[in-house]
Amino acid sequence: MTRFVDSVYLRGAGLSQQLIESLTSADLGGSMTSINQLTLTFTDPGWKLLGSGIFSINTSVDVEDFAMEIASITTGNDVDVENVTLKCRSRIIRKLKNRRGTRVLKNAS
């Protein structure tokens, strides 16, 4: 997992040692040529990471040559330990969805 962690950049910088040690899972979703979603889960006892403000919606997260940003932040408990899950999506897709607005009909034929 260390090699993958070294290719993840949060706000343009590599993950800190604290984040690397807190990382419990990382899932990539996509195809052979692109990554559509990155899910990172961190243990966060006492919600210290969440409270630090390091994670916020639209924060840039880059994986190698793929530009992404945090699309959602969820919290939970795993065996009495708090955790934070970040879902990151392609920056281009997020921009298109934000531009789409509320007037677009979904699944219209």
C-alpha atoms as a PDB file:
ATOM      1  CA  MET A   1       0.000   0.000   0.000  1.00  0.00           C
ATOM      2  CA  THR A   2       2.938   2.321   0.510  1.00  0.00           C
ATOM      3  CA  ARG A   3       3.504   2.753  -3.232  1.00  0.00           C
ATOM      4  CA  PHE A   4      -0.106   3.812  -3.788  1.00  0.00           C
ATOM      5  CA  VAL A   5      -0.028   6.194  -0.826  1.00  0.00           C
ATOM      6  CA  ASP A   6       3.063   7.880  -2.266  1.00  0.00           C
ATOM      7  CA  SER A   7       1.086   8.760  -5.419  1.00  0.00           C
ATOM      8  CA  VAL A   8      -1.764  10.500  -3.552  1.00  0.00           C
ATOM      9  CA  TYR A   9      -1.518  14.268  -3.147  1.00  0.00           C
ATOM     10  CA  LEU A  10      -3.850  16.321  -0.958  1.00  0.00           C
ATOM     11  CA  ARG A  11      -3.843  20.046  -1.780  1.00  0.00           C
ATOM     12  CA  GLY A  12      -0.749  19.540  -3.913  1.00  0.00           C
ATOM     13  CA  ALA A  13       1.363  17.890  -1.201  1.00  0.00           C
ATOM     14  CA  GLY A  14       1.952  14.253  -0.342  1.00  0.00           C
ATOM     15  CA  LEU A  15       0.009  12.731   2.518  1.00  0.00           C
ATOM     16  CA  SER A  16       1.479  13.466   5.938  1.00  0.00           C
ATOM     17  CA  GLN A  17       2.799  10.631   8.054  1.00  0.00           C
ATOM     18  CA  GLN A  18      -0.227  11.034  10.345  1.00  0.00           C
ATOM     19  CA  LEU A  19      -2.618  10.542   7.398  1.00  0.00           C
ATOM     20  CA  ILE A  20      -0.647   7.564   6.091  1.00  0.00           C
ATOM     21  CA  GLU A  21      -0.784   5.876   9.506  1.00  0.00           C
ATOM     22  CA  SER A  22      -4.524   6.624   9.824  1.00  0.00           C
ATOM     23  CA  LEU A  23      -5.432   5.302   6.367  1.00  0.00           C
ATOM     24  CA  THR A  24      -7.381   2.042   6.686  1.00  0.00           C
ATOM     25  CA  SER A  25      -8.657   1.548   3.134  1.00  0.00           C
ATOM     26  CA  ALA A  26      -8.316   2.989  -0.344  1.00  0.00           C
ATOM     27  CA  ASP A  27     -10.504   1.961  -3.283  1.00  0.00           C
ATOM     28  CA  LEU A  28     -10.152   3.075  -6.882  1.00  0.00           C
ATOM     29  CA  GLY A  29     -13.068   2.901  -9.276  1.00  0.00           C
ATOM     30  CA  GLY A  30     -12.812   3.344 -13.005  1.00  0.00           C
ATOM     31  CA  SER A  31     -11.661   1.823 -16.239  1.00  0.00           C
ATOM     32  CA  MET A  32      -8.339   0.894 -17.787  1.00  0.00           C
ATOM     33  CA  THR A  33      -7.710   4.481 -18.898  1.00  0.00           C
ATOM     34  CA  SER A  34      -9.250   6.616 -16.178  1.00  0.00           C
ATOM     35  CA  ILE A  35     -10.147   6.756 -12.518  1.00  0.00           C
ATOM     36  CA  ASN A  36     -13.724   7.851 -11.818  1.00  0.00           C
ATOM     37  CA  GLN A  37     -13.746   7.640  -8.037  1.00  0.00           C
ATOM     38  CA  LEU A  38     -11.291   7.301  -5.196  1.00  0.00           C
ATOM     39  CA  THR A  39     -12.542   6.353  -1.739  1.00  0.00           C
ATOM     40  CA  LEU A  40     -10.215   6.869   1.233  1.00  0.00           C
ATOM     41  CA  THR A  41     -11.100   5.853   4.784  1.00  0.00           C
ATOM     42  CA  PHE A  42      -9.125   7.079   7.790  1.00  0.00           C
ATOM     43  CA  THR A  43      -9.404   6.191  11.469  1.00  0.00           C
ATOM     44  CA  ASP A  44     -10.061   9.402  13.362  1.00  0.00           C
ATOM     45  CA  PRO A  45     -10.216   8.907  17.145  1.00  0.00           C
ATOM     46  CA  GLY A  46     -11.869  11.915  18.729  1.00  0.00           C
ATOM     47  CA  TRP A  47     -12.496  13.409  15.268  1.00  0.00           C
ATOM     48  CA  LYS A  48      -9.099  15.158  15.360  1.00  0.00           C
ATOM     49  CA  LEU A  49      -8.477  14.914  11.593  1.00  0.00           C
ATOM     50  CA  LEU A  50     -11.997  16.065  10.766  1.00  0.00           C
ATOM     51  CA  GLY A  51     -11.745  18.918  13.256  1.00  0.00           C
ATOM     52  CA  SER A  52      -8.414  20.071  11.833  1.00  0.00           C
ATOM     53  CA  GLY A  53     -10.141  21.283   8.659  1.00  0.00           C
ATOM     54  CA  ILE A  54      -7.775  19.409   6.357  1.00  0.00           C
ATOM     55  CA  PHE A  55     -10.749  17.770   4.594  1.00  0.00           C
ATOM     56  CA  SER A  56     -13.379  19.894   2.892  1.00  0.00           C
ATOM     57  CA  ILE A  57     -15.601  19.554  -0.167  1.00  0.00           C
ATOM     58  CA  ASN A  58     -13.822  20.520  -3.422  1.00  0.00           C
ATOM     59  CA  THR A  59     -10.339  20.084  -1.908  1.00  0.00           C
ATOM     60  CA  SER A  60      -7.973  18.832  -4.600  1.00  0.00           C
ATOM     61  CA  VAL A  61      -6.811  15.217  -4.380  1.00  0.00           C
ATOM     62  CA  ASP A  62      -4.502  14.029  -7.129  1.00  0.00           C
ATOM     63  CA  VAL A  63      -3.544  10.438  -7.891  1.00  0.00           C
ATOM     64  CA  GLU A  64      -0.643  10.262 -10.326  1.00  0.00           C
ATOM     65  CA  ASP A  65      -1.968  12.060 -13.445  1.00  0.00           C
ATOM     66  CA  PHE A  66      -5.636  12.085 -12.398  1.00  0.00           C
ATOM     67  CA  ALA A  67      -6.997  15.381 -11.034  1.00  0.00           C
ATOM     68  CA  MET A  68      -9.728  14.786  -8.480  1.00  0.00           C
ATOM     69  CA  GLU A  69     -11.474  16.601  -5.673  1.00  0.00           C
ATOM     70  CA  ILE A  70     -13.370  15.625  -2.555  1.00  0.00           C
ATOM     71  CA  ALA A  71     -17.041  15.171  -3.469  1.00  0.00           C
ATOM     72  CA  SER A  72     -18.340  13.875  -0.123  1.00  0.00           C
ATOM     73  CA  ILE A  73     -17.207  13.356   3.454  1.00  0.00           C
ATOM     74  CA  THR A  74     -18.928  10.808   5.682  1.00  0.00           C
ATOM     75  CA  THR A  75     -18.267   9.722   9.231  1.00  0.00           C
ATOM     76  CA  GLY A  76     -18.874   6.481  11.050  1.00  0.00           C
ATOM     77  CA  ASN A  77     -17.794   4.161  13.820  1.00  0.00           C
ATOM     78  CA  ASP A  78     -15.862   0.949  13.304  1.00  0.00           C
ATOM     79  CA  VAL A  79     -15.449  -1.206  16.416  1.00  0.00           C
ATOM     80  CA  ASP A  80     -15.683   1.838  18.705  1.00  0.00           C
ATOM     81  CA  VAL A  81     -13.194   3.854  16.626  1.00  0.00           C
ATOM     82  CA  GLU A  82     -14.393   6.871  14.688  1.00  0.00           C
ATOM     83  CA  ASN A  83     -13.581   6.998  10.978  1.00  0.00           C
ATOM     84  CA  VAL A  84     -13.834   9.491   8.132  1.00  0.00           C
ATOM     85  CA  THR A  85     -14.475   8.430   4.543  1.00  0.00           C
ATOM     86  CA  LEU A  86     -13.659  10.694   1.615  1.00  0.00           C
ATOM     87  CA  LYS A  87     -15.148  10.088  -1.820  1.00  0.00           C
ATOM     88  CA  CYS A  88     -13.165  11.860  -4.499  1.00  0.00           C
ATOM     89  CA  ARG A  89     -14.327  12.263  -8.066  1.00  0.00           C
ATOM     90  CA  SER A  90     -12.784  13.573 -11.263  1.00  0.00           C
ATOM     91  CA  ARG A  91     -12.446  17.357 -11.229  1.00  0.00           C
ATOM     92  CA  ILE A  92     -13.753  17.626 -14.807  1.00  0.00           C
ATOM     93  CA  ILE A  93     -16.870  15.547 -14.056  1.00  0.00           C
ATOM     94  CA  ARG A  94     -17.552  17.578 -10.907  1.00  0.00           C
ATOM     95  CA  LYS A  95     -17.304  20.842 -12.883  1.00  0.00           C
ATOM     96  CA  LEU A  96     -19.720  19.553 -15.510  1.00  0.00           C
ATOM     97  CA  LYS A  97     -22.203  18.436 -12.842  1.00  0.00           C
ATOM     98  CA  ASN A  98     -21.966  21.801 -11.091  1.00  0.00           C
ATOM     99  CA  ARG A  99     -22.595  23.651 -14.377  1.00  0.00           C
ATOM    100  CA  ARG A 100     -25.542  21.428 -15.230  1.00  0.00           C
ATOM    101  CA  GLY A 101     -27.754  23.175 -12.724  1.00  0.00           C
ATOM    102  CA  THR A 102     -31.278  22.304 -11.659  1.00  0.00           C
ATOM    103  CA  ARG A 103     -33.003  22.904 -15.004  1.00  0.00           C
ATOM    104  CA  VAL A 104     -31.612  19.813 -16.690  1.00  0.00           C
ATOM    105  CA  LEU A 105     -33.961  16.832 -16.927  1.00  0.00           C
ATOM    106  CA  LYS A 106     -32.339  13.546 -15.942  1.00  0.00           C
ATOM    107  CA  ASN A 107     -32.980  10.447 -18.028  1.00  0.00           C
ATOM    108  CA  ALA A 108     -35.151  12.351 -20.501  1.00  0.00           C
ATOM    109  CA  SER A 109     -35.555  10.758 -23.916  1.00  0.00           C
END
